[in-house]
Amino acid sequence: MTAAVLFGSFALLLLLSVPIGIAIGVATLVTIIYSGSMPLEFLAQGLVTSVDSFPLMAVPFFILAGEIMSKGGVSERLFRVANTLVGHRTGGFAIATILTCMFFAAISGSGPATVAAIGGIMIPAMVRQGYDKKFATAVVCAAGSLGVIIPPSIPMVIYGVVGSQSIGNMFIAGIFPGIIVAAGLIIWTYIYSRKKGYRGMEKSTFKDFIKAFWEAKWALLVPIIILGGIYGGVFTPTEAAVVAVVYGLIAGLVLYRELKIKDLPKVFIDSALTTSTVLIIVGAATAFGRLLTVEQIPRQVADAMLSISENPIIIILLITLLLLIVGCFMDTLAAIIILTPILLPVAVNLGIDPIHFGIIMVVNLAIGFITPPLGVNLFVGSGISGLSIEAISKAIMPFFVAMIVTLLFITFVPQISLYLLSLR
């Protein structure tokens, strides 16, 4: 009955459009009062102790780094490089947009931030090139999901903290899956562009590529510094986030000179607002998850799943379906904090590597960025393009199918996630 009160009150609050962090906290409080088995201080303690974590400090720093990079002239330079590589091919402008989102994802760690930074530039540019606005918006919204798949990724940090896994290993394991998802989006983009006759531009010369590459060199160094430093054992993921902030400030203020001192207060305020929202969700969801553990709900769910079938393929497909549904209604970070303690033991019992399972969770929930009613990327894209959520949702369906196909590939071929780790 306690589980029914917990999930029932949470669902009711979501239906009433209560913000996710508040809904989780209130549902936890209502359940504590109902059960009477824990003091009210349980919620307050969860809110405080959950964010008192050194690895979790990476989250605000990566958010700040993403804000600095998006304001520092990085997006345009990344696109120029991508455009010199593929701009001459069928659908080249759209494919270059996906590659730009892929590059920017290795800086921001956030899906909506990637859509906002790239979409504001590329959606109008694609429309001017003759692309349909619905398709152009769908391209950016779908590619924005790479922001949480390609490391550094904020959801990967959260999974590492909650699941007691190495965040560095999560980052390394996410490289190939991110490339696979991007390839799936590019394939559909090429097919659609060929059907619609979206031709490429004049082929860039090698000199054009060298020029674009040289102008973007400081931006392209960011993922190399972050991932190379972590992979090489030079610094931890948290320290890498701080390095990214410092490097971003140097690149924006000194090297590119597109970020001004007067812009910094707004950058800090925007990142602080985003961070506060994230940490409220993290704190409330942690208390929610601890309450689940106290009530032994994870064990009950695990037993229920294993009672359906002992076939690992059936169980993993059920987990995938659950995550896809949850991603439609729940924030990615909250879903990871709540569901990891429930699903990770099931996955381990099935013999699935915890790092591989983390990648499965992140890719699953990344698809939630483009599925209504939550679909945060859709709302950001709608704000940029002026199109309705309904129109974008229809246009993005083929990209949704492409991401599902790549998700299944990543799920059932664990070497994609674990190969780089095997080389360490």
Protein backbone atom coordinates (compact mmCIF):
# COMPACT_ATOMS: atom_id res chain seq x y z
CA MET A 1 0.00 0.00 0.00
CA THR A 2 2.92 2.34 0.73
CA ALA A 3 4.15 1.92 -2.84
CA ALA A 4 0.68 2.76 -4.15
CA VAL A 5 0.62 5.97 -2.08
CA LEU A 6 4.12 6.93 -3.23
CA PHE A 7 3.61 6.36 -6.94
CA GLY A 8 -0.05 7.40 -6.92
CA SER A 9 0.64 10.78 -5.33
CA PHE A 10 3.61 11.28 -7.66
CA ALA A 11 1.50 10.51 -10.75
CA LEU A 12 -1.28 12.81 -9.54
CA LEU A 13 1.15 15.69 -9.04
CA LEU A 14 2.58 15.17 -12.53
CA LEU A 15 -0.93 15.26 -14.00
CA LEU A 16 -1.45 18.57 -12.19
CA SER A 17 1.69 19.89 -13.96
CA VAL A 18 3.65 20.30 -10.75
CA PRO A 19 7.39 20.71 -11.53
CA ILE A 20 9.16 17.36 -11.41
CA GLY A 21 11.46 18.20 -8.49
CA ILE A 22 8.61 19.50 -6.34
CA ALA A 23 6.38 16.55 -7.32
CA ILE A 24 9.02 14.04 -6.22
CA GLY A 25 9.59 15.83 -2.92
CA VAL A 26 5.90 16.20 -2.08
CA ALA A 27 5.16 12.56 -2.99
CA THR A 28 7.99 11.48 -0.68
CA LEU A 29 6.67 13.68 2.13
CA VAL A 30 3.10 12.39 1.74
CA THR A 31 4.33 8.79 1.88
CA ILE A 32 6.47 9.44 4.97
CA ILE A 33 3.45 10.91 6.76
CA TYR A 34 1.24 8.02 5.62
CA SER A 35 3.60 5.24 6.65
CA GLY A 36 4.70 6.82 9.90
CA SER A 37 7.78 4.60 9.87
CA MET A 38 10.27 7.44 9.36
CA PRO A 39 10.68 10.95 10.78
CA LEU A 40 9.89 13.98 8.65
CA GLU A 41 13.58 14.88 8.85
CA PHE A 42 14.20 11.99 6.42
CA LEU A 43 13.30 14.22 3.44
CA ALA A 44 15.38 17.16 4.63
CA GLN A 45 18.37 14.92 5.23
CA GLY A 46 18.01 13.43 1.77
CA LEU A 47 17.95 16.87 0.16
CA VAL A 48 21.16 17.89 1.91
CA THR A 49 23.25 14.72 1.98
CA SER A 50 22.51 13.78 -1.63
CA VAL A 51 24.29 16.84 -3.01
CA ASP A 52 27.18 16.61 -0.53
CA SER A 53 29.28 14.65 -2.99
CA PHE A 54 32.60 15.41 -4.66
CA PRO A 55 31.77 13.58 -7.93
CA LEU A 56 28.45 15.46 -8.10
CA MET A 57 30.35 18.77 -8.16
CA ALA A 58 31.06 17.98 -11.82
CA VAL A 59 27.43 18.78 -12.67
CA PRO A 60 27.40 22.56 -11.95
CA PHE A 61 30.84 22.97 -13.52
CA PHE A 62 29.85 21.16 -16.74
CA ILE A 63 26.66 23.26 -16.86
CA LEU A 64 28.73 26.43 -16.48
CA ALA A 65 31.24 25.24 -19.10
CA GLY A 66 28.39 24.63 -21.54
CA GLU A 67 26.97 28.13 -20.97
CA ILE A 68 30.39 29.70 -21.49
CA MET A 69 31.07 27.72 -24.67
CA SER A 70 27.64 28.49 -26.15
CA LYS A 71 28.23 32.23 -25.69
CA GLY A 72 31.87 32.18 -26.75
CA GLY A 73 31.58 31.63 -30.51
CA VAL A 74 32.15 27.88 -30.41
CA SER A 75 28.99 26.80 -32.28
CA GLU A 76 29.66 28.70 -35.51
CA ARG A 77 33.25 27.48 -35.75
CA LEU A 78 32.29 23.87 -35.15
CA PHE A 79 29.70 24.11 -37.94
CA ARG A 80 32.21 25.49 -40.41
CA VAL A 81 34.44 22.49 -39.85
CA ALA A 82 31.53 20.04 -40.26
CA ASN A 83 30.26 21.86 -43.34
CA THR A 84 33.62 21.68 -45.12
CA LEU A 85 33.57 17.91 -44.56
CA VAL A 86 30.03 17.00 -45.69
CA GLY A 87 28.35 20.19 -46.93
CA HIS A 88 28.71 19.18 -50.58
CA ARG A 89 26.81 15.91 -50.17
CA THR A 90 23.06 15.33 -50.48
CA GLY A 91 21.50 16.82 -47.35
CA GLY A 92 24.97 18.05 -46.44
CA PHE A 93 23.78 21.12 -44.53
CA ALA A 94 21.56 18.98 -42.29
CA ILE A 95 24.27 16.34 -41.85
CA ALA A 96 26.73 19.07 -40.93
CA THR A 97 24.22 20.25 -38.32
CA ILE A 98 24.16 16.77 -36.75
CA LEU A 99 27.96 16.65 -36.69
CA THR A 100 28.00 20.10 -35.08
CA CYS A 101 25.59 18.89 -32.38
CA MET A 102 27.87 15.90 -31.93
CA PHE A 103 30.91 18.14 -31.42
CA PHE A 104 29.03 20.50 -29.11
CA ALA A 105 27.71 17.54 -27.11
CA ALA A 106 31.32 16.79 -26.20
CA ILE A 107 31.37 20.22 -24.54
CA SER A 108 27.95 20.83 -22.99
CA GLY A 109 26.82 17.49 -21.52
CA SER A 110 23.20 18.61 -21.90
CA GLY A 111 20.54 17.91 -24.54
CA PRO A 112 18.50 21.13 -24.30
CA ALA A 113 21.69 23.22 -24.15
CA THR A 114 22.87 21.61 -27.39
CA VAL A 115 19.53 22.34 -29.10
CA ALA A 116 19.56 25.95 -27.90
CA ALA A 117 23.17 26.61 -28.89
CA ILE A 118 23.01 24.97 -32.34
CA GLY A 119 19.33 25.43 -33.19
CA GLY A 120 19.37 29.22 -32.93
CA ILE A 121 21.99 29.31 -35.67
CA MET A 122 21.22 26.28 -37.82
CA ILE A 123 17.41 26.14 -38.06
CA PRO A 124 17.17 29.57 -39.82
CA ALA A 125 20.26 28.71 -41.89
CA MET A 126 18.75 25.41 -43.10
CA VAL A 127 15.48 27.14 -43.97
CA ARG A 128 17.42 29.70 -46.03
CA GLN A 129 19.08 26.78 -47.84
CA GLY A 130 15.65 25.49 -48.88
CA TYR A 131 15.03 22.88 -46.17
CA ASP A 132 11.54 22.45 -44.79
CA LYS A 133 11.32 24.16 -41.39
CA LYS A 134 9.71 21.12 -39.73
CA PHE A 135 12.51 18.87 -40.93
CA ALA A 136 15.19 21.39 -39.98
CA THR A 137 13.79 21.69 -36.45
CA ALA A 138 13.45 17.91 -36.11
CA VAL A 139 17.09 17.44 -37.14
CA VAL A 140 18.33 19.76 -34.39
CA CYS A 141 15.97 18.39 -31.72
CA ALA A 142 16.97 14.79 -32.45
CA ALA A 143 20.68 15.56 -32.69
CA GLY A 144 20.43 17.54 -29.45
CA SER A 145 19.84 14.24 -27.66
CA LEU A 146 23.49 13.45 -28.35
CA GLY A 147 24.24 16.02 -25.65
CA VAL A 148 23.65 13.42 -22.94
CA ILE A 149 25.01 10.38 -24.81
CA ILE A 150 28.39 11.68 -25.93
CA PRO A 151 30.64 12.39 -22.94
CA PRO A 152 30.95 14.44 -20.88
CA SER A 153 27.34 13.77 -19.92
CA ILE A 154 25.52 15.01 -16.84
CA PRO A 155 23.22 11.91 -16.68
CA MET A 156 26.34 9.71 -16.78
CA VAL A 157 27.71 11.60 -13.78
CA ILE A 158 24.44 11.02 -11.91
CA TYR A 159 24.39 7.31 -12.81
CA GLY A 160 27.97 6.94 -11.65
CA VAL A 161 27.14 8.53 -8.29
CA VAL A 162 23.90 6.60 -7.72
CA GLY A 163 25.14 3.27 -9.08
CA SER A 164 28.59 3.52 -7.44
CA GLN A 165 30.28 3.22 -10.84
CA SER A 166 33.32 5.01 -12.26
CA ILE A 167 32.24 8.23 -13.98
CA GLY A 168 35.42 8.12 -16.06
CA ASN A 169 34.53 4.64 -17.29
CA MET A 170 31.01 5.84 -18.12
CA PHE A 171 32.44 8.67 -20.20
CA ILE A 172 34.77 6.34 -22.11
CA ALA A 173 31.99 3.79 -22.65
CA GLY A 174 29.71 6.49 -24.12
CA ILE A 175 31.99 7.45 -27.00
CA PHE A 176 31.13 4.68 -29.50
CA PRO A 177 27.39 4.56 -28.61
CA GLY A 178 27.20 8.31 -29.24
CA ILE A 179 28.83 7.86 -32.64
CA ILE A 180 26.43 4.99 -33.47
CA VAL A 181 23.36 7.09 -32.60
CA ALA A 182 24.71 10.01 -34.64
CA ALA A 183 25.27 7.65 -37.59
CA GLY A 184 21.64 6.49 -37.37
CA LEU A 185 20.40 10.09 -37.49
CA ILE A 186 22.70 10.88 -40.42
CA ILE A 187 21.49 7.87 -42.42
CA TRP A 188 17.83 8.94 -42.11
CA THR A 189 18.76 12.55 -42.90
CA TYR A 190 20.50 11.42 -46.09
CA ILE A 191 17.57 9.23 -47.15
CA TYR A 192 15.02 12.01 -46.57
CA SER A 193 17.21 14.66 -48.23
CA ARG A 194 17.70 12.49 -51.29
CA LYS A 195 13.94 11.97 -51.52
CA LYS A 196 13.26 15.71 -51.22
CA GLY A 197 16.13 16.76 -53.49
CA TYR A 198 18.09 18.70 -50.86
CA ARG A 199 21.35 19.04 -52.72
CA GLY A 200 24.67 19.92 -51.18
CA MET A 201 26.63 23.07 -51.75
CA GLU A 202 29.82 23.48 -53.75
CA LYS A 203 32.52 21.12 -52.53
CA SER A 204 34.98 22.76 -50.15
CA THR A 205 38.65 22.66 -50.98
CA PHE A 206 41.31 21.26 -48.69
CA LYS A 207 42.38 24.85 -48.07
CA ASP A 208 38.83 25.69 -46.88
CA PHE A 209 38.93 22.75 -44.48
CA ILE A 210 42.32 23.73 -43.07
CA LYS A 211 41.10 27.30 -42.57
CA ALA A 212 37.90 26.19 -40.81
CA PHE A 213 39.81 23.66 -38.73
CA TRP A 214 42.37 26.25 -37.68
CA GLU A 215 39.69 28.75 -36.65
CA ALA A 216 37.94 26.05 -34.59
CA LYS A 217 41.08 24.52 -33.09
CA TRP A 218 40.45 25.88 -29.60
CA ALA A 219 36.89 24.52 -29.59
CA LEU A 220 37.96 21.12 -30.96
CA LEU A 221 40.57 20.81 -28.21
CA VAL A 222 37.94 20.82 -25.45
CA PRO A 223 36.79 17.16 -25.72
CA ILE A 224 40.39 16.09 -26.27
CA ILE A 225 41.48 17.81 -23.07
CA ILE A 226 38.50 16.56 -21.03
CA LEU A 227 38.40 12.95 -22.20
CA GLY A 228 42.15 12.68 -22.73
CA GLY A 229 42.79 13.98 -19.23
CA ILE A 230 40.33 11.53 -17.69
CA TYR A 231 41.44 8.59 -19.83
CA GLY A 232 45.09 9.35 -19.13
CA GLY A 233 44.53 9.63 -15.39
CA VAL A 234 45.63 13.28 -15.31
CA PHE A 235 42.49 14.42 -13.48
CA THR A 236 39.15 13.14 -12.25
CA PRO A 237 35.84 13.92 -14.03
CA THR A 238 35.10 16.59 -11.41
CA GLU A 239 38.48 18.20 -11.96
CA ALA A 240 37.93 17.90 -15.72
CA ALA A 241 34.74 19.94 -15.35
CA VAL A 242 36.68 22.71 -13.61
CA VAL A 243 39.34 22.59 -16.34
CA ALA A 244 36.57 22.92 -18.95
CA VAL A 245 35.26 26.07 -17.24
CA VAL A 246 38.70 27.69 -17.07
CA TYR A 247 39.51 26.71 -20.65
CA GLY A 248 36.13 28.01 -21.84
CA LEU A 249 36.74 31.37 -20.20
CA ILE A 250 40.19 31.64 -21.78
CA ALA A 251 38.85 30.63 -25.22
CA GLY A 252 35.84 32.97 -25.07
CA LEU A 253 37.50 36.01 -23.49
CA VAL A 254 41.05 35.86 -24.86
CA LEU A 255 41.31 33.55 -27.88
CA TYR A 256 38.00 34.10 -29.71
CA ARG A 257 37.13 37.37 -27.94
CA GLU A 258 33.41 36.85 -28.53
CA LEU A 259 32.62 36.55 -24.83
CA LYS A 260 32.78 39.91 -23.05
CA ILE A 261 33.30 40.64 -19.38
CA LYS A 262 29.86 42.26 -19.31
CA ASP A 263 28.33 38.95 -20.51
CA LEU A 264 29.68 36.96 -17.56
CA PRO A 265 27.02 37.92 -14.98
CA LYS A 266 24.26 36.59 -17.25
CA VAL A 267 26.27 33.43 -17.98
CA PHE A 268 26.75 32.82 -14.25
CA ILE A 269 23.10 33.55 -13.46
CA ASP A 270 21.80 31.23 -16.23
CA SER A 271 24.10 28.40 -15.14
CA ALA A 272 23.16 28.95 -11.48
CA LEU A 273 19.44 28.73 -12.31
CA THR A 274 19.97 25.53 -14.29
CA THR A 275 22.17 24.06 -11.56
CA SER A 276 19.65 24.87 -8.82
CA THR A 277 16.89 23.15 -10.79
CA VAL A 278 19.06 20.09 -11.36
CA LEU A 279 20.14 19.84 -7.72
CA ILE A 280 16.58 20.17 -6.43
CA ILE A 281 15.64 17.23 -8.66
CA VAL A 282 18.71 15.29 -7.52
CA GLY A 283 18.00 15.90 -3.83
CA ALA A 284 14.29 15.08 -4.00
CA ALA A 285 14.84 12.04 -6.22
CA THR A 286 17.53 10.73 -3.87
CA ALA A 287 15.13 10.90 -0.91
CA PHE A 288 12.49 9.23 -3.11
CA GLY A 289 14.94 6.46 -4.01
CA ARG A 290 15.97 5.90 -0.41
CA LEU A 291 12.32 5.59 0.55
CA LEU A 292 11.92 2.94 -2.17
CA THR A 293 14.84 1.04 -0.68
CA VAL A 294 13.46 1.22 2.86
CA GLU A 295 10.14 -0.17 1.62
CA GLN A 296 12.04 -2.91 -0.29
CA ILE A 297 10.34 -1.95 -3.54
CA PRO A 298 13.48 -2.59 -5.70
CA ARG A 299 13.58 -6.21 -4.53
CA GLN A 300 9.87 -6.63 -5.21
CA VAL A 301 10.23 -5.20 -8.72
CA ALA A 302 13.24 -7.42 -9.42
CA ASP A 303 11.36 -10.52 -8.24
CA ALA A 304 8.33 -9.54 -10.34
CA MET A 305 10.43 -9.11 -13.48
CA LEU A 306 12.29 -12.36 -13.00
CA SER A 307 8.99 -14.15 -12.37
CA ILE A 308 7.81 -13.14 -15.86
CA SER A 309 10.78 -14.77 -17.56
CA GLU A 310 14.33 -15.80 -16.86
CA ASN A 311 15.30 -15.13 -20.46
CA PRO A 312 17.77 -12.20 -20.38
CA ILE A 313 16.56 -10.93 -23.77
CA ILE A 314 12.95 -10.73 -22.60
CA ILE A 315 13.92 -8.97 -19.36
CA ILE A 316 16.15 -6.42 -21.08
CA LEU A 317 13.38 -5.68 -23.61
CA LEU A 318 10.95 -5.13 -20.73
CA ILE A 319 13.43 -2.78 -19.06
CA THR A 320 13.91 -0.93 -22.36
CA LEU A 321 10.15 -0.53 -22.77
CA LEU A 322 9.85 0.72 -19.18
CA LEU A 323 12.63 3.28 -19.66
CA LEU A 324 11.15 4.53 -22.94
CA ILE A 325 7.76 5.05 -21.26
CA VAL A 326 9.32 6.70 -18.19
CA GLY A 327 11.36 8.98 -20.45
CA CYS A 328 8.14 10.39 -21.90
CA PHE A 329 6.97 11.61 -18.51
CA MET A 330 9.95 12.03 -16.18
CA ASP A 331 13.09 14.13 -16.20
CA THR A 332 16.18 12.11 -17.16
CA LEU A 333 18.12 12.83 -13.97
CA ALA A 334 15.16 11.96 -11.72
CA ALA A 335 14.55 8.75 -13.67
CA ILE A 336 18.18 7.67 -13.29
CA ILE A 337 18.23 8.38 -9.54
CA ILE A 338 14.94 6.58 -8.89
CA LEU A 339 15.28 3.64 -11.28
CA THR A 340 18.98 2.79 -10.98
CA PRO A 341 18.61 1.19 -7.51
CA ILE A 342 15.64 -0.78 -8.86
CA LEU A 343 16.93 -1.93 -12.24
CA LEU A 344 20.70 -2.21 -11.75
CA PRO A 345 20.44 -5.28 -9.46
CA VAL A 346 18.19 -6.96 -12.05
CA ALA A 347 20.72 -6.22 -14.79
CA VAL A 348 23.63 -7.53 -12.69
CA ASN A 349 21.68 -10.73 -11.98
CA LEU A 350 21.31 -11.16 -15.73
CA GLY A 351 25.07 -10.85 -16.16
CA ILE A 352 24.98 -7.38 -17.75
CA ASP A 353 28.03 -5.23 -17.04
CA PRO A 354 27.01 -2.24 -14.82
CA ILE A 355 28.79 0.24 -17.11
CA HIS A 356 27.07 -1.18 -20.19
CA PHE A 357 23.73 -1.02 -18.37
CA GLY A 358 24.40 2.61 -17.52
CA ILE A 359 24.88 3.39 -21.20
CA ILE A 360 21.64 1.52 -21.99
CA MET A 361 19.80 3.65 -19.43
CA VAL A 362 21.26 6.93 -20.68
CA VAL A 363 20.52 6.21 -24.36
CA ASN A 364 16.98 5.05 -23.49
CA LEU A 365 16.25 8.17 -21.48
CA ALA A 366 17.93 10.41 -24.07
CA ILE A 367 15.15 9.38 -26.46
CA GLY A 368 12.77 10.93 -23.92
CA PHE A 369 14.13 14.34 -24.92
CA ILE A 370 12.23 14.03 -28.22
CA THR A 371 9.05 12.24 -27.05
CA PRO A 372 6.04 14.17 -25.79
CA PRO A 373 4.60 15.11 -23.39
CA LEU A 374 7.89 15.93 -21.60
CA GLY A 375 10.16 16.14 -24.68
CA VAL A 376 12.32 19.05 -23.50
CA ASN A 377 14.19 19.31 -26.81
CA LEU A 378 10.87 19.71 -28.61
CA PHE A 379 9.96 22.71 -26.46
CA VAL A 380 13.35 24.33 -27.04
CA GLY A 381 13.07 23.69 -30.79
CA SER A 382 9.53 25.07 -30.80
CA GLY A 383 10.71 28.25 -29.12
CA ILE A 384 13.41 28.73 -31.75
CA SER A 385 11.40 27.84 -34.87
CA GLY A 386 7.94 29.04 -33.83
CA LEU A 387 6.41 25.69 -34.83
CA SER A 388 3.90 23.86 -32.65
CA ILE A 389 4.97 20.87 -30.56
CA GLU A 390 2.52 18.73 -32.55
CA ALA A 391 4.14 19.66 -35.89
CA ILE A 392 7.66 18.96 -34.62
CA SER A 393 6.54 15.68 -33.00
CA LYS A 394 5.28 14.38 -36.35
CA ALA A 395 8.44 15.44 -38.18
CA ILE A 396 10.68 13.81 -35.60
CA MET A 397 9.07 10.34 -35.70
CA PRO A 398 11.52 8.90 -38.30
CA PHE A 399 14.42 10.11 -36.14
CA PHE A 400 12.73 8.41 -33.16
CA VAL A 401 12.68 5.13 -35.12
CA ALA A 402 16.36 5.58 -36.07
CA MET A 403 17.27 6.09 -32.40
CA ILE A 404 15.29 2.98 -31.35
CA VAL A 405 17.18 0.88 -33.92
CA THR A 406 20.55 2.17 -32.72
CA LEU A 407 19.45 1.67 -29.08
CA LEU A 408 18.74 -2.02 -29.72
CA PHE A 409 22.09 -2.36 -31.47
CA ILE A 410 23.90 -0.79 -28.49
CA THR A 411 21.89 -2.91 -26.04
CA PHE A 412 22.58 -6.30 -27.59
CA VAL A 413 26.16 -5.64 -28.70
CA PRO A 414 27.87 -4.72 -25.42
CA GLN A 415 31.28 -4.52 -27.09
CA ILE A 416 30.22 -1.17 -28.54
CA SER A 417 30.22 0.29 -25.03
CA LEU A 418 32.96 -1.80 -23.45
CA TYR A 419 35.60 -2.07 -26.19
CA LEU A 420 37.56 1.05 -25.23
CA LEU A 421 37.47 0.00 -21.56
CA SER A 422 38.97 -3.36 -22.50
CA LEU A 423 42.01 -1.54 -23.88
CA ARG A 424 42.85 0.11 -20.54
